[in-house]
Amino acid sequence: ARCGQSTAGCSVIIAALDFGSSSDRSALARTLAQEPGLLLNMSLARMGHPAALRVLQDLSGADLAMARGELLDAWDLLASSRFGRAVAAHLAPAGAGKAKEAEDAASC
């Protein structure tokens, strides 16, 4: 999981997810998603956000729901970050409700 905390590490993660076997990709994506705060931190970084998007693509079921939930909980942070916006756009259908709630609360 420490690989996701550095620029070079994120490049390695992307390569592993691009060229690894299906079972290896799934195992790596699950491992990264289970590390608290890692996907969010990756999502906010220049080289990390493409890796975070690849991790989301290789997750499924409860693992994907958990990862999406963690990122949606930080919707405002993602949406306000230059690189986080790419991840927020990927989550847009689910995050659109959060954005609408924030707009409604601001207009009161």
PDB file of N, CA and C in Angstrom:
ATOM      1  N   ALA A   1       0.821  -1.199   0.000  1.00  0.00           N
ATOM      2  CA  ALA A   1       0.000   0.000   0.000  1.00  0.00           C
ATOM      3  C   ALA A   1       0.859   1.254   0.000  1.00  0.00           C
ATOM      4  N   ARG A   2       2.091   1.147   0.437  1.00  0.00           N
ATOM      5  CA  ARG A   2       2.965   2.322   0.426  1.00  0.00           C
ATOM      6  C   ARG A   2       3.270   2.792  -0.989  1.00  0.00           C
ATOM      7  N   CYS A   3       3.164   1.904  -1.961  1.00  0.00           N
ATOM      8  CA  CYS A   3       3.413   2.293  -3.348  1.00  0.00           C
ATOM      9  C   CYS A   3       2.494   3.436  -3.770  1.00  0.00           C
ATOM     10  N   GLY A   4       1.286   3.468  -3.231  1.00  0.00           N
ATOM     11  CA  GLY A   4       0.321   4.493  -3.603  1.00  0.00           C
ATOM     12  C   GLY A   4       0.624   5.852  -3.022  1.00  0.00           C
ATOM     13  N   GLN A   5       1.670   5.957  -2.231  1.00  0.00           N
ATOM     14  CA  GLN A   5       2.010   7.220  -1.595  1.00  0.00           C
ATOM     15  C   GLN A   5       3.126   7.961  -2.314  1.00  0.00           C
ATOM     16  N   SER A   6       3.617   7.426  -3.417  1.00  0.00           N
ATOM     17  CA  SER A   6       4.687   8.102  -4.148  1.00  0.00           C
ATOM     18  C   SER A   6       4.365   8.126  -5.633  1.00  0.00           C
ATOM     19  N   THR A   7       4.981   9.085  -6.325  1.00  0.00           N
ATOM     20  CA  THR A   7       4.776   9.217  -7.762  1.00  0.00           C
ATOM     21  C   THR A   7       5.212   7.947  -8.494  1.00  0.00           C
ATOM     22  N   ALA A   8       6.398   7.475  -8.193  1.00  0.00           N
ATOM     23  CA  ALA A   8       6.898   6.274  -8.864  1.00  0.00           C
ATOM     24  C   ALA A   8       6.036   5.062  -8.515  1.00  0.00           C
ATOM     25  N   GLY A   9       5.602   4.994  -7.267  1.00  0.00           N
ATOM     26  CA  GLY A   9       4.761   3.882  -6.836  1.00  0.00           C
ATOM     27  C   GLY A   9       3.445   3.839  -7.584  1.00  0.00           C
ATOM     28  N   CYS A  10       2.861   5.003  -7.808  1.00  0.00           N
ATOM     29  CA  CYS A  10       1.599   5.047  -8.551  1.00  0.00           C
ATOM     30  C   CYS A  10       1.788   4.592  -9.989  1.00  0.00           C
ATOM     31  N   SER A  11       2.941   4.910 -10.567  1.00  0.00           N
ATOM     32  CA  SER A  11       3.235   4.432 -11.923  1.00  0.00           C
ATOM     33  C   SER A  11       3.349   2.910 -11.948  1.00  0.00           C
ATOM     34  N   VAL A  12       3.946   2.348 -10.917  1.00  0.00           N
ATOM     35  CA  VAL A  12       4.069   0.895 -10.819  1.00  0.00           C
ATOM     36  C   VAL A  12       2.684   0.261 -10.662  1.00  0.00           C
ATOM     37  N   ILE A  13       1.835   0.889  -9.852  1.00  0.00           N
ATOM     38  CA  ILE A  13       0.472   0.372  -9.666  1.00  0.00           C
ATOM     39  C   ILE A  13      -0.273   0.348 -10.993  1.00  0.00           C
ATOM     40  N   ILE A  14      -0.176   1.442 -11.751  1.00  0.00           N
ATOM     41  CA  ILE A  14      -0.850   1.492 -13.053  1.00  0.00           C
ATOM     42  C   ILE A  14      -0.337   0.378 -13.960  1.00  0.00           C
ATOM     43  N   ALA A  15       0.983   0.196 -14.009  1.00  0.00           N
ATOM     44  CA  ALA A  15       1.555  -0.860 -14.860  1.00  0.00           C
ATOM     45  C   ALA A  15       1.077  -2.240 -14.417  1.00  0.00           C
ATOM     46  N   ALA A  16       1.055  -2.464 -13.115  1.00  0.00           N
ATOM     47  CA  ALA A  16       0.606  -3.770 -12.608  1.00  0.00           C
ATOM     48  C   ALA A  16      -0.858  -4.005 -12.958  1.00  0.00           C
ATOM     49  N   LEU A  17      -1.675  -2.958 -12.875  1.00  0.00           N
ATOM     50  CA  LEU A  17      -3.100  -3.112 -13.188  1.00  0.00           C
ATOM     51  C   LEU A  17      -3.335  -3.216 -14.696  1.00  0.00           C
ATOM     52  N   ASP A  18      -2.439  -2.653 -15.486  1.00  0.00           N
ATOM     53  CA  ASP A  18      -2.563  -2.754 -16.943  1.00  0.00           C
ATOM     54  C   ASP A  18      -2.106  -4.110 -17.479  1.00  0.00           C
ATOM     55  N   PHE A  19      -1.070  -4.686 -16.864  1.00  0.00           N
ATOM     56  CA  PHE A  19      -0.451  -5.866 -17.448  1.00  0.00           C
ATOM     57  C   PHE A  19      -0.534  -7.127 -16.595  1.00  0.00           C
ATOM     58  N   GLY A  20      -1.052  -7.020 -15.387  1.00  0.00           N
ATOM     59  CA  GLY A  20      -1.147  -8.185 -14.513  1.00  0.00           C
ATOM     60  C   GLY A  20      -2.277  -9.112 -14.917  1.00  0.00           C
ATOM     61  N   SER A  21      -2.236 -10.311 -14.376  1.00  0.00           N
ATOM     62  CA  SER A  21      -3.331 -11.253 -14.627  1.00  0.00           C
ATOM     63  C   SER A  21      -4.588 -10.735 -13.925  1.00  0.00           C
ATOM     64  N   SER A  22      -5.702 -11.247 -14.307  1.00  0.00           N
ATOM     65  CA  SER A  22      -6.971 -10.808 -13.730  1.00  0.00           C
ATOM     66  C   SER A  22      -7.000 -10.985 -12.214  1.00  0.00           C
ATOM     67  N   SER A  23      -6.530 -12.131 -11.750  1.00  0.00           N
ATOM     68  CA  SER A  23      -6.539 -12.380 -10.305  1.00  0.00           C
ATOM     69  C   SER A  23      -5.555 -11.464  -9.571  1.00  0.00           C
ATOM     70  N   ASP A  24      -4.412 -11.195 -10.178  1.00  0.00           N
ATOM     71  CA  ASP A  24      -3.444 -10.280  -9.564  1.00  0.00           C
ATOM     72  C   ASP A  24      -3.984  -8.853  -9.523  1.00  0.00           C
ATOM     73  N   ARG A  25      -4.653  -8.431 -10.599  1.00  0.00           N
ATOM     74  CA  ARG A  25      -5.239  -7.085 -10.633  1.00  0.00           C
ATOM     75  C   ARG A  25      -6.291  -6.932  -9.540  1.00  0.00           C
ATOM     76  N   SER A  26      -7.132  -7.924  -9.404  1.00  0.00           N
ATOM     77  CA  SER A  26      -8.183  -7.875  -8.379  1.00  0.00           C
ATOM     78  C   SER A  26      -7.595  -7.843  -6.976  1.00  0.00           C
ATOM     79  N   ALA A  27      -6.593  -8.667  -6.751  1.00  0.00           N
ATOM     80  CA  ALA A  27      -5.960  -8.710  -5.423  1.00  0.00           C
ATOM     81  C   ALA A  27      -5.277  -7.386  -5.097  1.00  0.00           C
ATOM     82  N   LEU A  28      -4.582  -6.807  -6.056  1.00  0.00           N
ATOM     83  CA  LEU A  28      -3.913  -5.526  -5.831  1.00  0.00           C
ATOM     84  C   LEU A  28      -4.932  -4.425  -5.583  1.00  0.00           C
ATOM     85  N   ALA A  29      -5.969  -4.383  -6.392  1.00  0.00           N
ATOM     86  CA  ALA A  29      -6.999  -3.352  -6.222  1.00  0.00           C
ATOM     87  C   ALA A  29      -7.664  -3.469  -4.850  1.00  0.00           C
ATOM     88  N   ARG A  30      -7.983  -4.689  -4.427  1.00  0.00           N
ATOM     89  CA  ARG A  30      -8.592  -4.896  -3.096  1.00  0.00           C
ATOM     90  C   ARG A  30      -7.653  -4.446  -1.986  1.00  0.00           C
ATOM     91  N   THR A  31      -6.393  -4.803  -2.103  1.00  0.00           N
ATOM     92  CA  THR A  31      -5.407  -4.432  -1.081  1.00  0.00           C
ATOM     93  C   THR A  31      -5.303  -2.915  -0.959  1.00  0.00           C
ATOM     94  N   LEU A  32      -5.236  -2.229  -2.074  1.00  0.00           N
ATOM     95  CA  LEU A  32      -5.127  -0.770  -2.053  1.00  0.00           C
ATOM     96  C   LEU A  32      -6.399  -0.126  -1.505  1.00  0.00           C
ATOM     97  N   ALA A  33      -7.544  -0.663  -1.892  1.00  0.00           N
ATOM     98  CA  ALA A  33      -8.819  -0.084  -1.445  1.00  0.00           C
ATOM     99  C   ALA A  33      -9.039  -0.286   0.050  1.00  0.00           C
ATOM    100  N   GLN A  34      -8.461  -1.324   0.610  1.00  0.00           N
ATOM    101  CA  GLN A  34      -8.668  -1.614   2.032  1.00  0.00           C
ATOM    102  C   GLN A  34      -7.799  -0.762   2.946  1.00  0.00           C
ATOM    103  N   GLU A  35      -6.821  -0.066   2.384  1.00  0.00           N
ATOM    104  CA  GLU A  35      -5.952   0.801   3.184  1.00  0.00           C
ATOM    105  C   GLU A  35      -6.692   2.124   3.424  1.00  0.00           C
ATOM    106  N   PRO A  36      -7.058   2.420   4.675  1.00  0.00           N
ATOM    107  CA  PRO A  36      -7.862   3.619   4.958  1.00  0.00           C
ATOM    108  C   PRO A  36      -7.204   4.908   4.443  1.00  0.00           C
ATOM    109  N   GLY A  37      -7.955   5.649   3.664  1.00  0.00           N
ATOM    110  CA  GLY A  37      -7.512   6.947   3.175  1.00  0.00           C
ATOM    111  C   GLY A  37      -6.589   6.931   1.974  1.00  0.00           C
ATOM    112  N   LEU A  38      -6.121   5.756   1.580  1.00  0.00           N
ATOM    113  CA  LEU A  38      -5.147   5.696   0.486  1.00  0.00           C
ATOM    114  C   LEU A  38      -5.755   6.116  -0.849  1.00  0.00           C
ATOM    115  N   LEU A  39      -6.920   5.582  -1.199  1.00  0.00           N
ATOM    116  CA  LEU A  39      -7.533   5.956  -2.477  1.00  0.00           C
ATOM    117  C   LEU A  39      -7.841   7.447  -2.536  1.00  0.00           C
ATOM    118  N   LEU A  40      -8.287   8.006  -1.428  1.00  0.00           N
ATOM    119  CA  LEU A  40      -8.564   9.440  -1.393  1.00  0.00           C
ATOM    120  C   LEU A  40      -7.279  10.231  -1.621  1.00  0.00           C
ATOM    121  N   ASN A  41      -6.223   9.882  -0.918  1.00  0.00           N
ATOM    122  CA  ASN A  41      -4.950  10.588  -1.099  1.00  0.00           C
ATOM    123  C   ASN A  41      -4.423  10.429  -2.516  1.00  0.00           C
ATOM    124  N   MET A  42      -4.549   9.233  -3.071  1.00  0.00           N
ATOM    125  CA  MET A  42      -4.125   9.018  -4.450  1.00  0.00           C
ATOM    126  C   MET A  42      -4.964   9.878  -5.393  1.00  0.00           C
ATOM    127  N   SER A  43      -6.242   9.980  -5.122  1.00  0.00           N
ATOM    128  CA  SER A  43      -7.160  10.731  -5.982  1.00  0.00           C
ATOM    129  C   SER A  43      -6.821  12.211  -6.048  1.00  0.00           C
ATOM    130  N   LEU A  44      -6.169  12.719  -5.033  1.00  0.00           N
ATOM    131  CA  LEU A  44      -5.864  14.137  -4.959  1.00  0.00           C
ATOM    132  C   LEU A  44      -4.491  14.481  -5.550  1.00  0.00           C
ATOM    133  N   ALA A  45      -3.762  13.477  -5.989  1.00  0.00           N
ATOM    134  CA  ALA A  45      -2.389  13.691  -6.458  1.00  0.00           C
ATOM    135  C   ALA A  45      -2.287  13.593  -7.981  1.00  0.00           C
ATOM    136  N   ARG A  46      -1.324  14.310  -8.522  1.00  0.00           N
ATOM    137  CA  ARG A  46      -1.125  14.358  -9.975  1.00  0.00           C
ATOM    138  C   ARG A  46      -0.941  12.975 -10.581  1.00  0.00           C
ATOM    139  N   MET A  47      -0.017  12.204 -10.054  1.00  0.00           N
ATOM    140  CA  MET A  47       0.214  10.863 -10.585  1.00  0.00           C
ATOM    141  C   MET A  47      -0.667   9.822  -9.907  1.00  0.00           C
ATOM    142  N   GLY A  48      -1.276  10.187  -8.802  1.00  0.00           N
ATOM    143  CA  GLY A  48      -2.091   9.237  -8.068  1.00  0.00           C
ATOM    144  C   GLY A  48      -3.493   9.073  -8.613  1.00  0.00           C
ATOM    145  N   HIS A  49      -4.061  10.150  -9.169  1.00  0.00           N
ATOM    146  CA  HIS A  49      -5.461  10.028  -9.588  1.00  0.00           C
ATOM    147  C   HIS A  49      -5.665   9.038 -10.735  1.00  0.00           C
ATOM    148  N   PRO A  50      -4.742   8.916 -11.710  1.00  0.00           N
ATOM    149  CA  PRO A  50      -4.949   7.862 -12.715  1.00  0.00           C
ATOM    150  C   PRO A  50      -4.888   6.458 -12.091  1.00  0.00           C
ATOM    151  N   ALA A  51      -4.025   6.297 -11.100  1.00  0.00           N
ATOM    152  CA  ALA A  51      -3.929   4.999 -10.422  1.00  0.00           C
ATOM    153  C   ALA A  51      -5.205   4.713  -9.637  1.00  0.00           C
ATOM    154  N   ALA A  52      -5.750   5.728  -8.977  1.00  0.00           N
ATOM    155  CA  ALA A  52      -6.998   5.547  -8.222  1.00  0.00           C
ATOM    156  C   ALA A  52      -8.131   5.143  -9.168  1.00  0.00           C
ATOM    157  N   LEU A  53      -8.187   5.770 -10.329  1.00  0.00           N
ATOM    158  CA  LEU A  53      -9.218   5.410 -11.311  1.00  0.00           C
ATOM    159  C   LEU A  53      -9.061   3.966 -11.778  1.00  0.00           C
ATOM    160  N   ARG A  54      -7.824   3.529 -11.992  1.00  0.00           N
ATOM    161  CA  ARG A  54      -7.584   2.134 -12.410  1.00  0.00           C
ATOM    162  C   ARG A  54      -7.981   1.158 -11.316  1.00  0.00           C
ATOM    163  N   VAL A  55      -7.700   1.532 -10.060  1.00  0.00           N
ATOM    164  CA  VAL A  55      -8.102   0.670  -8.942  1.00  0.00           C
ATOM    165  C   VAL A  55      -9.613   0.524  -8.951  1.00  0.00           C
ATOM    166  N   LEU A  56     -10.337   1.613  -9.111  1.00  0.00           N
ATOM    167  CA  LEU A  56     -11.810   1.548  -9.132  1.00  0.00           C
ATOM    168  C   LEU A  56     -12.309   0.655 -10.260  1.00  0.00           C
ATOM    169  N   GLN A  57     -11.630   0.669 -11.394  1.00  0.00           N
ATOM    170  CA  GLN A  57     -12.039  -0.163 -12.528  1.00  0.00           C
ATOM    171  C   GLN A  57     -11.867  -1.653 -12.238  1.00  0.00           C
ATOM    172  N   ASP A  58     -10.922  -1.982 -11.378  1.00  0.00           N
ATOM    173  CA  ASP A  58     -10.647  -3.396 -11.098  1.00  0.00           C
ATOM    174  C   ASP A  58     -11.339  -3.919  -9.845  1.00  0.00           C
ATOM    175  N   LEU A  59     -12.111  -3.075  -9.191  1.00  0.00           N
ATOM    176  CA  LEU A  59     -12.874  -3.519  -8.016  1.00  0.00           C
ATOM    177  C   LEU A  59     -14.272  -3.932  -8.438  1.00  0.00           C
ATOM    178  N   SER A  60     -14.902  -4.751  -7.628  1.00  0.00           N
ATOM    179  CA  SER A  60     -16.287  -5.139  -7.889  1.00  0.00           C
ATOM    180  C   SER A  60     -16.979  -5.427  -6.563  1.00  0.00           C
ATOM    181  N   GLY A  61     -18.267  -5.528  -6.614  1.00  0.00           N
ATOM    182  CA  GLY A  61     -19.063  -5.919  -5.452  1.00  0.00           C
ATOM    183  C   GLY A  61     -18.864  -5.031  -4.246  1.00  0.00           C
ATOM    184  N   ALA A  62     -18.733  -5.679  -3.093  1.00  0.00           N
ATOM    185  CA  ALA A  62     -18.618  -4.965  -1.825  1.00  0.00           C
ATOM    186  C   ALA A  62     -17.344  -4.125  -1.762  1.00  0.00           C
ATOM    187  N   ASP A  63     -16.273  -4.587  -2.400  1.00  0.00           N
ATOM    188  CA  ASP A  63     -15.024  -3.821  -2.399  1.00  0.00           C
ATOM    189  C   ASP A  63     -15.209  -2.491  -3.139  1.00  0.00           C
ATOM    190  N   LEU A  64     -15.887  -2.545  -4.274  1.00  0.00           N
ATOM    191  CA  LEU A  64     -16.154  -1.323  -5.031  1.00  0.00           C
ATOM    192  C   LEU A  64     -17.082  -0.398  -4.255  1.00  0.00           C
ATOM    193  N   ALA A  65     -18.101  -0.964  -3.652  1.00  0.00           N
ATOM    194  CA  ALA A  65     -19.041  -0.146  -2.866  1.00  0.00           C
ATOM    195  C   ALA A  65     -18.326   0.548  -1.708  1.00  0.00           C
ATOM    196  N   MET A  66     -17.425  -0.164  -1.044  1.00  0.00           N
ATOM    197  CA  MET A  66     -16.674   0.422   0.065  1.00  0.00           C
ATOM    198  C   MET A  66     -15.782   1.564  -0.425  1.00  0.00           C
ATOM    199  N   ALA A  67     -15.076   1.339  -1.521  1.00  0.00           N
ATOM    200  CA  ALA A  67     -14.170   2.354  -2.056  1.00  0.00           C
ATOM    201  C   ALA A  67     -14.952   3.583  -2.527  1.00  0.00           C
ATOM    202  N   ARG A  68     -16.046   3.342  -3.234  1.00  0.00           N
ATOM    203  CA  ARG A  68     -16.879   4.466  -3.694  1.00  0.00           C
ATOM    204  C   ARG A  68     -17.438   5.241  -2.507  1.00  0.00           C
ATOM    205  N   GLY A  69     -17.857   4.524  -1.469  1.00  0.00           N
ATOM    206  CA  GLY A  69     -18.391   5.186  -0.285  1.00  0.00           C
ATOM    207  C   GLY A  69     -17.363   6.075   0.379  1.00  0.00           C
ATOM    208  N   GLU A  70     -16.130   5.582   0.493  1.00  0.00           N
ATOM    209  CA  GLU A  70     -15.061   6.390   1.089  1.00  0.00           C
ATOM    210  C   GLU A  70     -14.820   7.661   0.275  1.00  0.00           C
ATOM    211  N   LEU A  71     -14.798   7.513  -1.043  1.00  0.00           N
ATOM    212  CA  LEU A  71     -14.562   8.675  -1.895  1.00  0.00           C
ATOM    213  C   LEU A  71     -15.760   9.623  -1.905  1.00  0.00           C
ATOM    214  N   LEU A  72     -16.959   9.078  -1.906  1.00  0.00           N
ATOM    215  CA  LEU A  72     -18.145   9.935  -1.881  1.00  0.00           C
ATOM    216  C   LEU A  72     -18.257  10.715  -0.573  1.00  0.00           C
ATOM    217  N   ASP A  73     -17.773  10.124   0.511  1.00  0.00           N
ATOM    218  CA  ASP A  73     -17.761  10.835   1.791  1.00  0.00           C
ATOM    219  C   ASP A  73     -16.870  12.065   1.729  1.00  0.00           C
ATOM    220  N   ALA A  74     -15.903  12.049   0.824  1.00  0.00           N
ATOM    221  CA  ALA A  74     -14.984  13.179   0.664  1.00  0.00           C
ATOM    222  C   ALA A  74     -15.283  13.949  -0.625  1.00  0.00           C
ATOM    223  N   TRP A  75     -16.532  13.896  -1.070  1.00  0.00           N
ATOM    224  CA  TRP A  75     -16.937  14.514  -2.341  1.00  0.00           C
ATOM    225  C   TRP A  75     -16.488  15.967  -2.454  1.00  0.00           C
ATOM    226  N   ASP A  76     -16.711  16.758  -1.412  1.00  0.00           N
ATOM    227  CA  ASP A  76     -16.356  18.175  -1.469  1.00  0.00           C
ATOM    228  C   ASP A  76     -14.857  18.360  -1.689  1.00  0.00           C
ATOM    229  N   LEU A  77     -14.062  17.555  -1.023  1.00  0.00           N
ATOM    230  CA  LEU A  77     -12.611  17.624  -1.183  1.00  0.00           C
ATOM    231  C   LEU A  77     -12.205  17.220  -2.600  1.00  0.00           C
ATOM    232  N   LEU A  78     -12.780  16.151  -3.113  1.00  0.00           N
ATOM    233  CA  LEU A  78     -12.481  15.721  -4.484  1.00  0.00           C
ATOM    234  C   LEU A  78     -12.877  16.792  -5.491  1.00  0.00           C
ATOM    235  N   ALA A  79     -14.079  17.311  -5.340  1.00  0.00           N
ATOM    236  CA  ALA A  79     -14.602  18.276  -6.303  1.00  0.00           C
ATOM    237  C   ALA A  79     -13.836  19.593  -6.285  1.00  0.00           C
ATOM    238  N   SER A  80     -13.168  19.890  -5.194  1.00  0.00           N
ATOM    239  CA  SER A  80     -12.431  21.151  -5.102  1.00  0.00           C
ATOM    240  C   SER A  80     -10.949  20.995  -5.438  1.00  0.00           C
ATOM    241  N   SER A  81     -10.523  19.789  -5.751  1.00  0.00           N
ATOM    242  CA  SER A  81      -9.122  19.517  -6.050  1.00  0.00           C
ATOM    243  C   SER A  81      -8.918  19.372  -7.558  1.00  0.00           C
ATOM    244  N   ARG A  82      -7.841  19.934  -8.061  1.00  0.00           N
ATOM    245  CA  ARG A  82      -7.546  19.858  -9.495  1.00  0.00           C
ATOM    246  C   ARG A  82      -7.568  18.415  -9.999  1.00  0.00           C
ATOM    247  N   PHE A  83      -6.887  17.528  -9.302  1.00  0.00           N
ATOM    248  CA  PHE A  83      -6.812  16.140  -9.754  1.00  0.00           C
ATOM    249  C   PHE A  83      -7.969  15.303  -9.226  1.00  0.00           C
ATOM    250  N   GLY A  84      -8.502  15.683  -8.094  1.00  0.00           N
ATOM    251  CA  GLY A  84      -9.641  14.978  -7.525  1.00  0.00           C
ATOM    252  C   GLY A  84     -10.888  15.079  -8.382  1.00  0.00           C
ATOM    253  N   ARG A  85     -10.986  16.163  -9.161  1.00  0.00           N
ATOM    254  CA  ARG A  85     -12.162  16.335 -10.028  1.00  0.00           C
ATOM    255  C   ARG A  85     -12.301  15.212 -11.055  1.00  0.00           C
ATOM    256  N   ALA A  86     -11.180  14.654 -11.505  1.00  0.00           N
ATOM    257  CA  ALA A  86     -11.254  13.530 -12.457  1.00  0.00           C
ATOM    258  C   ALA A  86     -11.888  12.315 -11.796  1.00  0.00           C
ATOM    259  N   VAL A  87     -11.545  12.075 -10.556  1.00  0.00           N
ATOM    260  CA  VAL A  87     -12.137  10.958  -9.822  1.00  0.00           C
ATOM    261  C   VAL A  87     -13.594  11.273  -9.498  1.00  0.00           C
ATOM    262  N   ALA A  88     -13.871  12.522  -9.123  1.00  0.00           N
ATOM    263  CA  ALA A  88     -15.253  12.929  -8.849  1.00  0.00           C
ATOM    264  C   ALA A  88     -16.121  12.737 -10.086  1.00  0.00           C
ATOM    265  N   ALA A  89     -15.579  13.053 -11.260  1.00  0.00           N
ATOM    266  CA  ALA A  89     -16.334  12.868 -12.507  1.00  0.00           C
ATOM    267  C   ALA A  89     -16.660  11.398 -12.735  1.00  0.00           C
ATOM    268  N   HIS A  90     -15.729  10.520 -12.366  1.00  0.00           N
ATOM    269  CA  HIS A  90     -15.962   9.078 -12.485  1.00  0.00           C
ATOM    270  C   HIS A  90     -17.093   8.634 -11.552  1.00  0.00           C
ATOM    271  N   LEU A  91     -17.194   9.302 -10.421  1.00  0.00           N
ATOM    272  CA  LEU A  91     -18.223   8.977  -9.429  1.00  0.00           C
ATOM    273  C   LEU A  91     -19.487   9.808  -9.627  1.00  0.00           C
ATOM    274  N   ALA A  92     -19.519  10.637 -10.652  1.00  0.00           N
ATOM    275  CA  ALA A  92     -20.558  11.653 -10.832  1.00  0.00           C
ATOM    276  C   ALA A  92     -21.993  11.170 -10.636  1.00  0.00           C
ATOM    277  N   PRO A  93     -22.406  10.041 -11.185  1.00  0.00           N
ATOM    278  CA  PRO A  93     -23.809   9.658 -10.981  1.00  0.00           C
ATOM    279  C   PRO A  93     -24.166   9.551  -9.498  1.00  0.00           C
ATOM    280  N   ALA A  94     -23.274   8.989  -8.701  1.00  0.00           N
ATOM    281  CA  ALA A  94     -23.543   8.866  -7.269  1.00  0.00           C
ATOM    282  C   ALA A  94     -23.271  10.173  -6.549  1.00  0.00           C
ATOM    283  N   GLY A  95     -22.286  10.914  -7.013  1.00  0.00           N
ATOM    284  CA  GLY A  95     -21.920  12.162  -6.355  1.00  0.00           C
ATOM    285  C   GLY A  95     -22.824  13.317  -6.704  1.00  0.00           C
ATOM    286  N   ALA A  96     -23.576  13.177  -7.790  1.00  0.00           N
ATOM    287  CA  ALA A  96     -24.449  14.267  -8.201  1.00  0.00           C
ATOM    288  C   ALA A  96     -25.455  14.599  -7.107  1.00  0.00           C
ATOM    289  N   GLY A  97     -25.920  13.597  -6.400  1.00  0.00           N
ATOM    290  CA  GLY A  97     -26.840  13.828  -5.293  1.00  0.00           C
ATOM    291  C   GLY A  97     -26.172  14.613  -4.179  1.00  0.00           C
ATOM    292  N   LYS A  98     -24.919  14.315  -3.908  1.00  0.00           N
ATOM    293  CA  LYS A  98     -24.165  15.050  -2.885  1.00  0.00           C
ATOM    294  C   LYS A  98     -23.991  16.498  -3.311  1.00  0.00           C
ATOM    295  N   ALA A  99     -23.658  16.716  -4.589  1.00  0.00           N
ATOM    296  CA  ALA A  99     -23.468  18.077  -5.075  1.00  0.00           C
ATOM    297  C   ALA A  99     -24.775  18.854  -4.996  1.00  0.00           C
ATOM    298  N   LYS A 100     -25.893  18.213  -5.333  1.00  0.00           N
ATOM    299  CA  LYS A 100     -27.205  18.854  -5.274  1.00  0.00           C
ATOM    300  C   LYS A 100     -27.560  19.209  -3.835  1.00  0.00           C
ATOM    301  N   GLU A 101     -27.274  18.298  -2.894  1.00  0.00           N
ATOM    302  CA  GLU A 101     -27.540  18.577  -1.482  1.00  0.00           C
ATOM    303  C   GLU A 101     -26.741  19.783  -1.003  1.00  0.00           C
ATOM    304  N   ALA A 102     -25.477  19.876  -1.444  1.00  0.00           N
ATOM    305  CA  ALA A 102     -24.633  20.994  -1.045  1.00  0.00           C
ATOM    306  C   ALA A 102     -25.161  22.305  -1.618  1.00  0.00           C
ATOM    307  N   GLU A 103     -25.619  22.263  -2.873  1.00  0.00           N
ATOM    308  CA  GLU A 103     -26.191  23.468  -3.489  1.00  0.00           C
ATOM    309  C   GLU A 103     -27.458  23.899  -2.758  1.00  0.00           C
ATOM    310  N   ASP A 104     -28.315  22.949  -2.415  1.00  0.00           N
ATOM    311  CA  ASP A 104     -29.555  23.257  -1.721  1.00  0.00           C
ATOM    312  C   ASP A 104     -29.280  23.846  -0.351  1.00  0.00           C
ATOM    313  N   ALA A 105     -28.291  23.284   0.360  1.00  0.00           N
ATOM    314  CA  ALA A 105     -27.952  23.786   1.688  1.00  0.00           C
ATOM    315  C   ALA A 105     -27.378  25.194   1.594  1.00  0.00           C
ATOM    316  N   ALA A 106     -26.604  25.465   0.546  1.00  0.00           N
ATOM    317  CA  ALA A 106     -25.989  26.790   0.378  1.00  0.00           C
ATOM    318  C   ALA A 106     -27.029  27.851   0.028  1.00  0.00           C
ATOM    319  N   SER A 107     -28.110  27.449  -0.629  1.00  0.00           N
ATOM    320  CA  SER A 107     -29.109  28.420  -1.032  1.00  0.00           C
ATOM    321  C   SER A 107     -30.084  28.795   0.075  1.00  0.00           C
ATOM    322  N   CYS A 108     -30.067  28.059   1.177  1.00  0.00           N
ATOM    323  CA  CYS A 108     -30.962  28.347   2.301  1.00  0.00           C
ATOM    324  C   CYS A 108     -30.517  29.534   3.109  1.00  0.00           C
TER     325      CYS A 108
END
